[in-house]
Amino acid sequence: MPWNLDSDRPIFLQIIEKIQTDIVAGIYHPGDKLPSVRELAQAAAVNPNTMQKALSELERTGLVYSQRTSGRFITEDTKMIQKLKSELAREVITEFLEHMQKLGFEKQEAIELMEQTIRGETK
């Protein structure tokens, strides 16, 4: 998946979000080894120090752990990953509802429209 980084926000935060998304989406599985800092930095077209900062923050949260000579790995704590997935989903839903409110939709109207869209109905 491409690294679409935006200069409007801190790059290391966007890297954290991208790796979190890749984990909850199943691109990286619990226990998987991450590519090296250098490989990830090259793929994202960022400075290795920026990538290191992002990975260190992911380690601090426990989502990623380091083994001295073997590299970095995704946590095997599936409950932590599921909790993160739910948190990220809630953020997306909240942003969606706020955007729909700006368009003049009440929450229930937005939900009904979403249900119709899922069913393939159009009005």
PDB file of N, CA and C in Angstrom:
ATOM      1  N   MET A   1       0.852  -1.176   0.000  1.00  0.00           N
ATOM      2  CA  MET A   1       0.000   0.000   0.000  1.00  0.00           C
ATOM      3  C   MET A   1       0.901   1.243   0.000  1.00  0.00           C
ATOM      4  N   PRO A   2       0.598   2.238  -0.826  1.00  0.00           N
ATOM      5  CA  PRO A   2       1.474   3.416  -0.923  1.00  0.00           C
ATOM      6  C   PRO A   2       1.438   4.269   0.341  1.00  0.00           C
ATOM      7  N   TRP A   3       2.513   4.968   0.531  1.00  0.00           N
ATOM      8  CA  TRP A   3       2.640   5.886   1.669  1.00  0.00           C
ATOM      9  C   TRP A   3       2.256   7.266   1.175  1.00  0.00           C
ATOM     10  N   ASN A   4       1.019   7.664   1.382  1.00  0.00           N
ATOM     11  CA  ASN A   4       0.548   8.981   0.963  1.00  0.00           C
ATOM     12  C   ASN A   4       0.698   9.949   2.126  1.00  0.00           C
ATOM     13  N   LEU A   5       1.895  10.484   2.282  1.00  0.00           N
ATOM     14  CA  LEU A   5       2.179  11.377   3.396  1.00  0.00           C
ATOM     15  C   LEU A   5       1.921  12.817   2.974  1.00  0.00           C
ATOM     16  N   ASP A   6       1.372  13.573   3.894  1.00  0.00           N
ATOM     17  CA  ASP A   6       0.917  14.930   3.654  1.00  0.00           C
ATOM     18  C   ASP A   6       1.791  15.899   4.443  1.00  0.00           C
ATOM     19  N   SER A   7       2.255  16.946   3.827  1.00  0.00           N
ATOM     20  CA  SER A   7       3.143  17.886   4.511  1.00  0.00           C
ATOM     21  C   SER A   7       2.416  18.797   5.501  1.00  0.00           C
ATOM     22  N   ASP A   8       1.089  18.700   5.567  1.00  0.00           N
ATOM     23  CA  ASP A   8       0.308  19.543   6.487  1.00  0.00           C
ATOM     24  C   ASP A   8       0.350  19.052   7.930  1.00  0.00           C
ATOM     25  N   ARG A   9       0.738  17.795   8.135  1.00  0.00           N
ATOM     26  CA  ARG A   9       0.778  17.203   9.484  1.00  0.00           C
ATOM     27  C   ARG A   9       2.133  16.569   9.713  1.00  0.00           C
ATOM     28  N   PRO A  10       2.546  16.424  10.976  1.00  0.00           N
ATOM     29  CA  PRO A  10       3.852  15.798  11.239  1.00  0.00           C
ATOM     30  C   PRO A  10       3.955  14.419  10.579  1.00  0.00           C
ATOM     31  N   ILE A  11       5.040  14.204   9.862  1.00  0.00           N
ATOM     32  CA  ILE A  11       5.239  12.972   9.113  1.00  0.00           C
ATOM     33  C   ILE A  11       5.265  11.759  10.039  1.00  0.00           C
ATOM     34  N   PHE A  12       5.952  11.876  11.187  1.00  0.00           N
ATOM     35  CA  PHE A  12       6.059  10.702  12.055  1.00  0.00           C
ATOM     36  C   PHE A  12       4.689  10.255  12.572  1.00  0.00           C
ATOM     37  N   LEU A  13       3.761  11.204  12.781  1.00  0.00           N
ATOM     38  CA  LEU A  13       2.406  10.829  13.202  1.00  0.00           C
ATOM     39  C   LEU A  13       1.673  10.085  12.090  1.00  0.00           C
ATOM     40  N   GLN A  14       1.881  10.524  10.855  1.00  0.00           N
ATOM     41  CA  GLN A  14       1.253   9.855   9.722  1.00  0.00           C
ATOM     42  C   GLN A  14       1.819   8.442   9.538  1.00  0.00           C
ATOM     43  N   ILE A  15       3.110   8.281   9.814  1.00  0.00           N
ATOM     44  CA  ILE A  15       3.727   6.956   9.732  1.00  0.00           C
ATOM     45  C   ILE A  15       3.120   6.040  10.787  1.00  0.00           C
ATOM     46  N   ILE A  16       2.964   6.555  12.000  1.00  0.00           N
ATOM     47  CA  ILE A  16       2.343   5.779  13.074  1.00  0.00           C
ATOM     48  C   ILE A  16       0.949   5.335  12.646  1.00  0.00           C
ATOM     49  N   GLU A  17       0.155   6.264  12.132  1.00  0.00           N
ATOM     50  CA  GLU A  17      -1.210   5.951  11.698  1.00  0.00           C
ATOM     51  C   GLU A  17      -1.212   4.903  10.592  1.00  0.00           C
ATOM     52  N   LYS A  18      -0.295   5.022   9.653  1.00  0.00           N
ATOM     53  CA  LYS A  18      -0.220   4.073   8.529  1.00  0.00           C
ATOM     54  C   LYS A  18       0.111   2.673   9.034  1.00  0.00           C
ATOM     55  N   ILE A  19       1.077   2.566   9.923  1.00  0.00           N
ATOM     56  CA  ILE A  19       1.448   1.247  10.439  1.00  0.00           C
ATOM     57  C   ILE A  19       0.323   0.679  11.292  1.00  0.00           C
ATOM     58  N   GLN A  20      -0.324   1.522  12.111  1.00  0.00           N
ATOM     59  CA  GLN A  20      -1.470   1.060  12.889  1.00  0.00           C
ATOM     60  C   GLN A  20      -2.565   0.527  11.964  1.00  0.00           C
ATOM     61  N   THR A  21      -2.855   1.255  10.909  1.00  0.00           N
ATOM     62  CA  THR A  21      -3.880   0.837   9.954  1.00  0.00           C
ATOM     63  C   THR A  21      -3.492  -0.474   9.284  1.00  0.00           C
ATOM     64  N   ASP A  22      -2.226  -0.608   8.913  1.00  0.00           N
ATOM     65  CA  ASP A  22      -1.764  -1.850   8.293  1.00  0.00           C
ATOM     66  C   ASP A  22      -1.908  -3.033   9.254  1.00  0.00           C
ATOM     67  N   ILE A  23      -1.694  -2.786  10.539  1.00  0.00           N
ATOM     68  CA  ILE A  23      -1.826  -3.859  11.536  1.00  0.00           C
ATOM     69  C   ILE A  23      -3.292  -4.261  11.689  1.00  0.00           C
ATOM     70  N   VAL A  24      -4.179  -3.295  11.911  1.00  0.00           N
ATOM     71  CA  VAL A  24      -5.588  -3.644  12.135  1.00  0.00           C
ATOM     72  C   VAL A  24      -6.254  -4.181  10.867  1.00  0.00           C
ATOM     73  N   ALA A  25      -5.726  -3.805   9.701  1.00  0.00           N
ATOM     74  CA  ALA A  25      -6.281  -4.290   8.434  1.00  0.00           C
ATOM     75  C   ALA A  25      -5.759  -5.687   8.075  1.00  0.00           C
ATOM     76  N   GLY A  26      -4.795  -6.181   8.863  1.00  0.00           N
ATOM     77  CA  GLY A  26      -4.278  -7.525   8.613  1.00  0.00           C
ATOM     78  C   GLY A  26      -3.139  -7.595   7.626  1.00  0.00           C
ATOM     79  N   ILE A  27      -2.611  -6.455   7.215  1.00  0.00           N
ATOM     80  CA  ILE A  27      -1.438  -6.469   6.330  1.00  0.00           C
ATOM     81  C   ILE A  27      -0.242  -7.005   7.112  1.00  0.00           C
ATOM     82  N   TYR A  28      -0.129  -6.568   8.374  1.00  0.00           N
ATOM     83  CA  TYR A  28       0.832  -7.157   9.310  1.00  0.00           C
ATOM     84  C   TYR A  28       0.016  -7.950  10.319  1.00  0.00           C
ATOM     85  N   HIS A  29       0.446  -9.153  10.607  1.00  0.00           N
ATOM     86  CA  HIS A  29      -0.256 -10.027  11.548  1.00  0.00           C
ATOM     87  C   HIS A  29       0.475 -10.053  12.888  1.00  0.00           C
ATOM     88  N   PRO A  30      -0.229 -10.446  13.949  1.00  0.00           N
ATOM     89  CA  PRO A  30       0.437 -10.562  15.248  1.00  0.00           C
ATOM     90  C   PRO A  30       1.682 -11.441  15.141  1.00  0.00           C
ATOM     91  N   GLY A  31       2.790 -10.928  15.658  1.00  0.00           N
ATOM     92  CA  GLY A  31       4.049 -11.667  15.631  1.00  0.00           C
ATOM     93  C   GLY A  31       4.883 -11.463  14.384  1.00  0.00           C
ATOM     94  N   ASP A  32       4.329 -10.810  13.355  1.00  0.00           N
ATOM     95  CA  ASP A  32       5.099 -10.560  12.124  1.00  0.00           C
ATOM     96  C   ASP A  32       6.288  -9.656  12.400  1.00  0.00           C
ATOM     97  N   LYS A  33       7.346  -9.903  11.667  1.00  0.00           N
ATOM     98  CA  LYS A  33       8.531  -9.046  11.733  1.00  0.00           C
ATOM     99  C   LYS A  33       8.323  -7.872  10.785  1.00  0.00           C
ATOM    100  N   LEU A  34       8.587  -6.685  11.284  1.00  0.00           N
ATOM    101  CA  LEU A  34       8.513  -5.490  10.429  1.00  0.00           C
ATOM    102  C   LEU A  34       9.788  -5.379   9.601  1.00  0.00           C
ATOM    103  N   PRO A  35       9.695  -4.770   8.429  1.00  0.00           N
ATOM    104  CA  PRO A  35      10.925  -4.471   7.688  1.00  0.00           C
ATOM    105  C   PRO A  35      11.820  -3.556   8.536  1.00  0.00           C
ATOM    106  N   SER A  36      13.080  -3.474   8.163  1.00  0.00           N
ATOM    107  CA  SER A  36      14.021  -2.637   8.914  1.00  0.00           C
ATOM    108  C   SER A  36      13.642  -1.161   8.797  1.00  0.00           C
ATOM    109  N   VAL A  37      14.194  -0.364   9.702  1.00  0.00           N
ATOM    110  CA  VAL A  37      13.972   1.088   9.667  1.00  0.00           C
ATOM    111  C   VAL A  37      14.364   1.624   8.298  1.00  0.00           C
ATOM    112  N   ARG A  38      15.505   1.199   7.817  1.00  0.00           N
ATOM    113  CA  ARG A  38      16.006   1.677   6.530  1.00  0.00           C
ATOM    114  C   ARG A  38      15.058   1.311   5.389  1.00  0.00           C
ATOM    115  N   GLU A  39      14.566   0.065   5.390  1.00  0.00           N
ATOM    116  CA  GLU A  39      13.639  -0.380   4.343  1.00  0.00           C
ATOM    117  C   GLU A  39      12.326   0.398   4.395  1.00  0.00           C
ATOM    118  N   LEU A  40      11.786   0.553   5.600  1.00  0.00           N
ATOM    119  CA  LEU A  40      10.536   1.305   5.743  1.00  0.00           C
ATOM    120  C   LEU A  40      10.719   2.764   5.341  1.00  0.00           C
ATOM    121  N   ALA A  41      11.838   3.360   5.757  1.00  0.00           N
ATOM    122  CA  ALA A  41      12.107   4.761   5.412  1.00  0.00           C
ATOM    123  C   ALA A  41      12.213   4.931   3.902  1.00  0.00           C
ATOM    124  N   GLN A  42      12.873   3.988   3.265  1.00  0.00           N
ATOM    125  CA  GLN A  42      13.013   4.057   1.806  1.00  0.00           C
ATOM    126  C   GLN A  42      11.647   3.920   1.132  1.00  0.00           C
ATOM    127  N   ALA A  43      10.827   2.971   1.604  1.00  0.00           N
ATOM    128  CA  ALA A  43       9.494   2.769   1.022  1.00  0.00           C
ATOM    129  C   ALA A  43       8.621   4.004   1.195  1.00  0.00           C
ATOM    130  N   ALA A  44       8.757   4.676   2.343  1.00  0.00           N
ATOM    131  CA  ALA A  44       7.942   5.859   2.628  1.00  0.00           C
ATOM    132  C   ALA A  44       8.573   7.139   2.103  1.00  0.00           C
ATOM    133  N   ALA A  45       9.792   7.048   1.618  1.00  0.00           N
ATOM    134  CA  ALA A  45      10.542   8.213   1.131  1.00  0.00           C
ATOM    135  C   ALA A  45      10.700   9.262   2.231  1.00  0.00           C
ATOM    136  N   VAL A  46      11.115   8.785   3.409  1.00  0.00           N
ATOM    137  CA  VAL A  46      11.363   9.682   4.542  1.00  0.00           C
ATOM    138  C   VAL A  46      12.755   9.411   5.109  1.00  0.00           C
ATOM    139  N   ASN A  47      13.208  10.329   5.938  1.00  0.00           N
ATOM    140  CA  ASN A  47      14.481  10.176   6.618  1.00  0.00           C
ATOM    141  C   ASN A  47      14.388   9.008   7.602  1.00  0.00           C
ATOM    142  N   PRO A  48      15.425   8.158   7.690  1.00  0.00           N
ATOM    143  CA  PRO A  48      15.392   7.044   8.646  1.00  0.00           C
ATOM    144  C   PRO A  48      15.164   7.495  10.093  1.00  0.00           C
ATOM    145  N   ASN A  49      15.639   8.694  10.449  1.00  0.00           N
ATOM    146  CA  ASN A  49      15.411   9.198  11.810  1.00  0.00           C
ATOM    147  C   ASN A  49      13.918   9.421  12.078  1.00  0.00           C
ATOM    148  N   THR A  50      13.195   9.873  11.072  1.00  0.00           N
ATOM    149  CA  THR A  50      11.750  10.071  11.201  1.00  0.00           C
ATOM    150  C   THR A  50      11.055   8.728  11.398  1.00  0.00           C
ATOM    151  N   MET A  51      11.467   7.739  10.621  1.00  0.00           N
ATOM    152  CA  MET A  51      10.892   6.397  10.751  1.00  0.00           C
ATOM    153  C   MET A  51      11.221   5.819  12.126  1.00  0.00           C
ATOM    154  N   GLN A  52      12.455   6.013  12.571  1.00  0.00           N
ATOM    155  CA  GLN A  52      12.865   5.526  13.885  1.00  0.00           C
ATOM    156  C   GLN A  52      12.006   6.133  14.986  1.00  0.00           C
ATOM    157  N   LYS A  53      11.736   7.430  14.883  1.00  0.00           N
ATOM    158  CA  LYS A  53      10.900   8.123  15.876  1.00  0.00           C
ATOM    159  C   LYS A  53       9.500   7.505  15.921  1.00  0.00           C
ATOM    160  N   ALA A  54       8.928   7.238  14.749  1.00  0.00           N
ATOM    161  CA  ALA A  54       7.592   6.650  14.683  1.00  0.00           C
ATOM    162  C   ALA A  54       7.583   5.238  15.274  1.00  0.00           C
ATOM    163  N   LEU A  55       8.574   4.441  14.929  1.00  0.00           N
ATOM    164  CA  LEU A  55       8.632   3.072  15.435  1.00  0.00           C
ATOM    165  C   LEU A  55       8.870   3.045  16.940  1.00  0.00           C
ATOM    166  N   SER A  56       9.660   3.974  17.432  1.00  0.00           N
ATOM    167  CA  SER A  56       9.891   4.064  18.879  1.00  0.00           C
ATOM    168  C   SER A  56       8.586   4.384  19.608  1.00  0.00           C
ATOM    169  N   GLU A  57       7.771   5.243  19.025  1.00  0.00           N
ATOM    170  CA  GLU A  57       6.480   5.576  19.625  1.00  0.00           C
ATOM    171  C   GLU A  57       5.555   4.355  19.601  1.00  0.00           C
ATOM    172  N   LEU A  58       5.574   3.597  18.515  1.00  0.00           N
ATOM    173  CA  LEU A  58       4.760   2.376  18.446  1.00  0.00           C
ATOM    174  C   LEU A  58       5.233   1.360  19.481  1.00  0.00           C
ATOM    175  N   GLU A  59       6.531   1.319  19.733  1.00  0.00           N
ATOM    176  CA  GLU A  59       7.069   0.442  20.785  1.00  0.00           C
ATOM    177  C   GLU A  59       6.589   0.902  22.150  1.00  0.00           C
ATOM    178  N   ARG A  60       6.606   2.204  22.365  1.00  0.00           N
ATOM    179  CA  ARG A  60       6.187   2.756  23.645  1.00  0.00           C
ATOM    180  C   ARG A  60       4.747   2.357  23.967  1.00  0.00           C
ATOM    181  N   THR A  61       3.894   2.295  22.939  1.00  0.00           N
ATOM    182  CA  THR A  61       2.492   1.927  23.154  1.00  0.00           C
ATOM    183  C   THR A  61       2.307   0.422  23.312  1.00  0.00           C
ATOM    184  N   GLY A  62       3.321  -0.356  22.945  1.00  0.00           N
ATOM    185  CA  GLY A  62       3.240  -1.805  23.055  1.00  0.00           C
ATOM    186  C   GLY A  62       2.735  -2.497  21.804  1.00  0.00           C
ATOM    187  N   LEU A  63       2.401  -1.748  20.782  1.00  0.00           N
ATOM    188  CA  LEU A  63       1.896  -2.343  19.546  1.00  0.00           C
ATOM    189  C   LEU A  63       3.011  -3.057  18.777  1.00  0.00           C
ATOM    190  N   VAL A  64       4.220  -2.562  18.958  1.00  0.00           N
ATOM    191  CA  VAL A  64       5.407  -3.131  18.329  1.00  0.00           C
ATOM    192  C   VAL A  64       6.406  -3.394  19.448  1.00  0.00           C
ATOM    193  N   TYR A  65       7.162  -4.468  19.319  1.00  0.00           N
ATOM    194  CA  TYR A  65       8.232  -4.711  20.292  1.00  0.00           C
ATOM    195  C   TYR A  65       9.515  -5.038  19.560  1.00  0.00           C
ATOM    196  N   SER A  66      10.610  -4.835  20.249  1.00  0.00           N
ATOM    197  CA  SER A  66      11.932  -4.981  19.657  1.00  0.00           C
ATOM    198  C   SER A  66      12.640  -6.176  20.273  1.00  0.00           C
ATOM    199  N   GLN A  67      13.321  -6.928  19.432  1.00  0.00           N
ATOM    200  CA  GLN A  67      14.226  -7.973  19.914  1.00  0.00           C
ATOM    201  C   GLN A  67      15.611  -7.584  19.449  1.00  0.00           C
ATOM    202  N   ARG A  68      16.491  -7.401  20.382  1.00  0.00           N
ATOM    203  CA  ARG A  68      17.813  -6.810  20.151  1.00  0.00           C
ATOM    204  C   ARG A  68      18.443  -7.098  18.798  1.00  0.00           C
ATOM    205  N   THR A  69      18.647  -8.341  18.479  1.00  0.00           N
ATOM    206  CA  THR A  69      19.368  -8.650  17.246  1.00  0.00           C
ATOM    207  C   THR A  69      18.456  -9.069  16.102  1.00  0.00           C
ATOM    208  N   SER A  70      17.166  -9.215  16.386  1.00  0.00           N
ATOM    209  CA  SER A  70      16.256  -9.746  15.359  1.00  0.00           C
ATOM    210  C   SER A  70      15.389  -8.700  14.683  1.00  0.00           C
ATOM    211  N   GLY A  71      15.239  -7.530  15.278  1.00  0.00           N
ATOM    212  CA  GLY A  71      14.416  -6.491  14.684  1.00  0.00           C
ATOM    213  C   GLY A  71      13.165  -6.207  15.493  1.00  0.00           C
ATOM    214  N   ARG A  72      12.188  -5.613  14.809  1.00  0.00           N
ATOM    215  CA  ARG A  72      10.922  -5.240  15.453  1.00  0.00           C
ATOM    216  C   ARG A  72       9.806  -6.147  14.964  1.00  0.00           C
ATOM    217  N   PHE A  73       8.878  -6.420  15.894  1.00  0.00           N
ATOM    218  CA  PHE A  73       7.780  -7.330  15.620  1.00  0.00           C
ATOM    219  C   PHE A  73       6.460  -6.717  16.073  1.00  0.00           C
ATOM    220  N   ILE A  74       5.380  -7.175  15.455  1.00  0.00           N
ATOM    221  CA  ILE A  74       4.032  -6.763  15.839  1.00  0.00           C
ATOM    222  C   ILE A  74       3.654  -7.526  17.108  1.00  0.00           C
ATOM    223  N   THR A  75       2.988  -6.851  18.021  1.00  0.00           N
ATOM    224  CA  THR A  75       2.545  -7.519  19.243  1.00  0.00           C
ATOM    225  C   THR A  75       1.704  -8.742  18.920  1.00  0.00           C
ATOM    226  N   GLU A  76       1.756  -9.708  19.804  1.00  0.00           N
ATOM    227  CA  GLU A  76       0.914 -10.891  19.652  1.00  0.00           C
ATOM    228  C   GLU A  76      -0.359 -10.758  20.483  1.00  0.00           C
ATOM    229  N   ASP A  77      -0.530  -9.597  21.108  1.00  0.00           N
ATOM    230  CA  ASP A  77      -1.702  -9.310  21.933  1.00  0.00           C
ATOM    231  C   ASP A  77      -2.870  -8.938  21.011  1.00  0.00           C
ATOM    232  N   THR A  78      -3.674  -9.942  20.660  1.00  0.00           N
ATOM    233  CA  THR A  78      -4.774  -9.707  19.720  1.00  0.00           C
ATOM    234  C   THR A  78      -5.849  -8.806  20.323  1.00  0.00           C
ATOM    235  N   LYS A  79      -5.985  -8.821  21.652  1.00  0.00           N
ATOM    236  CA  LYS A  79      -6.961  -7.929  22.296  1.00  0.00           C
ATOM    237  C   LYS A  79      -6.538  -6.476  22.119  1.00  0.00           C
ATOM    238  N   MET A  80      -5.242  -6.192  22.203  1.00  0.00           N
ATOM    239  CA  MET A  80      -4.744  -4.831  21.995  1.00  0.00           C
ATOM    240  C   MET A  80      -5.022  -4.389  20.557  1.00  0.00           C
ATOM    241  N   ILE A  81      -4.789  -5.290  19.616  1.00  0.00           N
ATOM    242  CA  ILE A  81      -5.016  -4.963  18.206  1.00  0.00           C
ATOM    243  C   ILE A  81      -6.508  -4.729  17.959  1.00  0.00           C
ATOM    244  N   GLN A  82      -7.364  -5.568  18.530  1.00  0.00           N
ATOM    245  CA  GLN A  82      -8.808  -5.398  18.359  1.00  0.00           C
ATOM    246  C   GLN A  82      -9.280  -4.086  18.985  1.00  0.00           C
ATOM    247  N   LYS A  83      -8.728  -3.747  20.143  1.00  0.00           N
ATOM    248  CA  LYS A  83      -9.085  -2.488  20.807  1.00  0.00           C
ATOM    249  C   LYS A  83      -8.680  -1.304  19.926  1.00  0.00           C
ATOM    250  N   LEU A  84      -7.474  -1.353  19.352  1.00  0.00           N
ATOM    251  CA  LEU A  84      -7.020  -0.294  18.459  1.00  0.00           C
ATOM    252  C   LEU A  84      -7.929  -0.199  17.238  1.00  0.00           C
ATOM    253  N   LYS A  85      -8.313  -1.344  16.697  1.00  0.00           N
ATOM    254  CA  LYS A  85      -9.198  -1.362  15.527  1.00  0.00           C
ATOM    255  C   LYS A  85     -10.518  -0.662  15.846  1.00  0.00           C
ATOM    256  N   SER A  86     -11.076  -0.955  17.011  1.00  0.00           N
ATOM    257  CA  SER A  86     -12.334  -0.322  17.424  1.00  0.00           C
ATOM    258  C   SER A  86     -12.149   1.180  17.621  1.00  0.00           C
ATOM    259  N   GLU A  87     -11.036   1.579  18.238  1.00  0.00           N
ATOM    260  CA  GLU A  87     -10.773   3.006  18.455  1.00  0.00           C
ATOM    261  C   GLU A  87     -10.648   3.748  17.131  1.00  0.00           C
ATOM    262  N   LEU A  88      -9.907   3.161  16.185  1.00  0.00           N
ATOM    263  CA  LEU A  88      -9.744   3.806  14.877  1.00  0.00           C
ATOM    264  C   LEU A  88     -11.075   3.888  14.140  1.00  0.00           C
ATOM    265  N   ALA A  89     -11.880   2.845  14.254  1.00  0.00           N
ATOM    266  CA  ALA A  89     -13.198   2.847  13.603  1.00  0.00           C
ATOM    267  C   ALA A  89     -14.085   3.932  14.203  1.00  0.00           C
ATOM    268  N   ARG A  90     -14.055   4.073  15.525  1.00  0.00           N
ATOM    269  CA  ARG A  90     -14.861   5.115  16.175  1.00  0.00           C
ATOM    270  C   ARG A  90     -14.453   6.503  15.689  1.00  0.00           C
ATOM    271  N   GLU A  91     -13.141   6.716  15.524  1.00  0.00           N
ATOM    272  CA  GLU A  91     -12.661   8.009  15.018  1.00  0.00           C
ATOM    273  C   GLU A  91     -13.210   8.283  13.624  1.00  0.00           C
ATOM    274  N   VAL A  92     -13.181   7.269  12.770  1.00  0.00           N
ATOM    275  CA  VAL A  92     -13.687   7.427  11.401  1.00  0.00           C
ATOM    276  C   VAL A  92     -15.188   7.714  11.424  1.00  0.00           C
ATOM    277  N   ILE A  93     -15.921   6.994  12.249  1.00  0.00           N
ATOM    278  CA  ILE A  93     -17.368   7.187  12.348  1.00  0.00           C
ATOM    279  C   ILE A  93     -17.685   8.590  12.862  1.00  0.00           C
ATOM    280  N   THR A  94     -16.958   9.033  13.874  1.00  0.00           N
ATOM    281  CA  THR A  94     -17.174  10.372  14.427  1.00  0.00           C
ATOM    282  C   THR A  94     -16.919  11.443  13.370  1.00  0.00           C
ATOM    283  N   GLU A  95     -15.804  11.288  12.626  1.00  0.00           N
ATOM    284  CA  GLU A  95     -15.499  12.251  11.558  1.00  0.00           C
ATOM    285  C   GLU A  95     -16.590  12.240  10.493  1.00  0.00           C
ATOM    286  N   PHE A  96     -17.075  11.047  10.144  1.00  0.00           N
ATOM    287  CA  PHE A  96     -18.134  10.915   9.148  1.00  0.00           C
ATOM    288  C   PHE A  96     -19.397  11.643   9.614  1.00  0.00           C
ATOM    289  N   LEU A  97     -19.805  11.385  10.860  1.00  0.00           N
ATOM    290  CA  LEU A  97     -21.022  12.013  11.371  1.00  0.00           C
ATOM    291  C   LEU A  97     -20.878  13.528  11.463  1.00  0.00           C
ATOM    292  N   GLU A  98     -19.686  14.001  11.834  1.00  0.00           N
ATOM    293  CA  GLU A  98     -19.457  15.456  11.875  1.00  0.00           C
ATOM    294  C   GLU A  98     -19.560  16.054  10.473  1.00  0.00           C
ATOM    295  N   HIS A  99     -19.005  15.344   9.498  1.00  0.00           N
ATOM    296  CA  HIS A  99     -19.070  15.825   8.116  1.00  0.00           C
ATOM    297  C   HIS A  99     -20.516  15.823   7.615  1.00  0.00           C
ATOM    298  N   MET A 100     -21.257  14.779   7.934  1.00  0.00           N
ATOM    299  CA  MET A 100     -22.659  14.706   7.524  1.00  0.00           C
ATOM    300  C   MET A 100     -23.467  15.821   8.183  1.00  0.00           C
ATOM    301  N   GLN A 101     -23.151  16.144   9.436  1.00  0.00           N
ATOM    302  CA  GLN A 101     -23.844  17.228  10.132  1.00  0.00           C
ATOM    303  C   GLN A 101     -23.579  18.550   9.414  1.00  0.00           C
ATOM    304  N   LYS A 102     -22.352  18.736   8.929  1.00  0.00           N
ATOM    305  CA  LYS A 102     -22.020  19.949   8.181  1.00  0.00           C
ATOM    306  C   LYS A 102     -22.815  20.028   6.880  1.00  0.00           C
ATOM    307  N   LEU A 103     -23.183  18.860   6.348  1.00  0.00           N
ATOM    308  CA  LEU A 103     -24.000  18.819   5.131  1.00  0.00           C
ATOM    309  C   LEU A 103     -25.490  18.963   5.433  1.00  0.00           C
ATOM    310  N   GLY A 104     -25.824  19.054   6.717  1.00  0.00           N
ATOM    311  CA  GLY A 104     -27.213  19.265   7.102  1.00  0.00           C
ATOM    312  C   GLY A 104     -27.968  18.008   7.499  1.00  0.00           C
ATOM    313  N   PHE A 105     -27.278  16.896   7.667  1.00  0.00           N
ATOM    314  CA  PHE A 105     -27.930  15.650   8.054  1.00  0.00           C
ATOM    315  C   PHE A 105     -27.904  15.487   9.568  1.00  0.00           C
ATOM    316  N   GLU A 106     -29.028  15.042  10.117  1.00  0.00           N
ATOM    317  CA  GLU A 106     -29.064  14.619  11.516  1.00  0.00           C
ATOM    318  C   GLU A 106     -28.424  13.227  11.567  1.00  0.00           C
ATOM    319  N   LYS A 107     -28.018  12.804  12.759  1.00  0.00           N
ATOM    320  CA  LYS A 107     -27.344  11.500  12.891  1.00  0.00           C
ATOM    321  C   LYS A 107     -28.193  10.366  12.327  1.00  0.00           C
ATOM    322  N   GLN A 108     -29.462  10.342  12.673  1.00  0.00           N
ATOM    323  CA  GLN A 108     -30.321   9.251  12.219  1.00  0.00           C
ATOM    324  C   GLN A 108     -30.477   9.262  10.699  1.00  0.00           C
ATOM    325  N   GLU A 109     -30.570  10.449  10.111  1.00  0.00           N
ATOM    326  CA  GLU A 109     -30.655  10.545   8.647  1.00  0.00           C
ATOM    327  C   GLU A 109     -29.382   9.996   8.005  1.00  0.00           C
ATOM    328  N   ALA A 110     -28.245  10.311   8.593  1.00  0.00           N
ATOM    329  CA  ALA A 110     -26.959   9.826   8.065  1.00  0.00           C
ATOM    330  C   ALA A 110     -26.893   8.306   8.152  1.00  0.00           C
ATOM    331  N   ILE A 111     -27.366   7.759   9.263  1.00  0.00           N
ATOM    332  CA  ILE A 111     -27.362   6.304   9.446  1.00  0.00           C
ATOM    333  C   ILE A 111     -28.285   5.644   8.431  1.00  0.00           C
ATOM    334  N   GLU A 112     -29.467   6.213   8.229  1.00  0.00           N
ATOM    335  CA  GLU A 112     -30.406   5.661   7.254  1.00  0.00           C
ATOM    336  C   GLU A 112     -29.828   5.715   5.838  1.00  0.00           C
ATOM    337  N   LEU A 113     -29.187   6.814   5.502  1.00  0.00           N
ATOM    338  CA  LEU A 113     -28.570   6.941   4.186  1.00  0.00           C
ATOM    339  C   LEU A 113     -27.452   5.922   4.012  1.00  0.00           C
ATOM    340  N   MET A 114     -26.684   5.716   5.069  1.00  0.00           N
ATOM    341  CA  MET A 114     -25.608   4.736   5.013  1.00  0.00           C
ATOM    342  C   MET A 114     -26.181   3.329   4.827  1.00  0.00           C
ATOM    343  N   GLU A 115     -27.245   2.998   5.538  1.00  0.00           N
ATOM    344  CA  GLU A 115     -27.884   1.688   5.394  1.00  0.00           C
ATOM    345  C   GLU A 115     -28.418   1.484   3.980  1.00  0.00           C
ATOM    346  N   GLN A 116     -29.024   2.534   3.419  1.00  0.00           N
ATOM    347  CA  GLN A 116     -29.524   2.447   2.045  1.00  0.00           C
ATOM    348  C   GLN A 116     -28.377   2.221   1.075  1.00  0.00           C
ATOM    349  N   THR A 117     -27.280   2.914   1.298  1.00  0.00           N
ATOM    350  CA  THR A 117     -26.111   2.783   0.425  1.00  0.00           C
ATOM    351  C   THR A 117     -25.549   1.367   0.508  1.00  0.00           C
ATOM    352  N   ILE A 118     -25.482   0.800   1.701  1.00  0.00           N
ATOM    353  CA  ILE A 118     -24.982  -0.564   1.874  1.00  0.00           C
ATOM    354  C   ILE A 118     -25.862  -1.555   1.137  1.00  0.00           C
ATOM    355  N   ARG A 119     -27.165  -1.331   1.208  1.00  0.00           N
ATOM    356  CA  ARG A 119     -28.109  -2.221   0.514  1.00  0.00           C
ATOM    357  C   ARG A 119     -28.141  -1.974  -0.997  1.00  0.00           C
ATOM    358  N   GLY A 120     -27.496  -0.918  -1.453  1.00  0.00           N
ATOM    359  CA  GLY A 120     -27.480  -0.609  -2.874  1.00  0.00           C
ATOM    360  C   GLY A 120     -28.687   0.168  -3.354  1.00  0.00           C
ATOM    361  N   GLU A 121     -29.448   0.712  -2.417  1.00  0.00           N
ATOM    362  CA  GLU A 121     -30.637   1.482  -2.777  1.00  0.00           C
ATOM    363  C   GLU A 121     -30.238   2.915  -3.113  1.00  0.00           C
ATOM    364  N   THR A 122     -30.965   3.516  -4.020  1.00  0.00           N
ATOM    365  CA  THR A 122     -30.771   4.940  -4.329  1.00  0.00           C
ATOM    366  C   THR A 122     -32.105   5.633  -4.266  1.00  0.00           C
ATOM    367  N   LYS A 123     -32.052   6.898  -3.932  1.00  0.00           N
ATOM    368  CA  LYS A 123     -33.293   7.692  -3.891  1.00  0.00           C
ATOM    369  C   LYS A 123     -33.174   8.846  -4.829  1.00  0.00           C
TER     370      LYS A 123
END
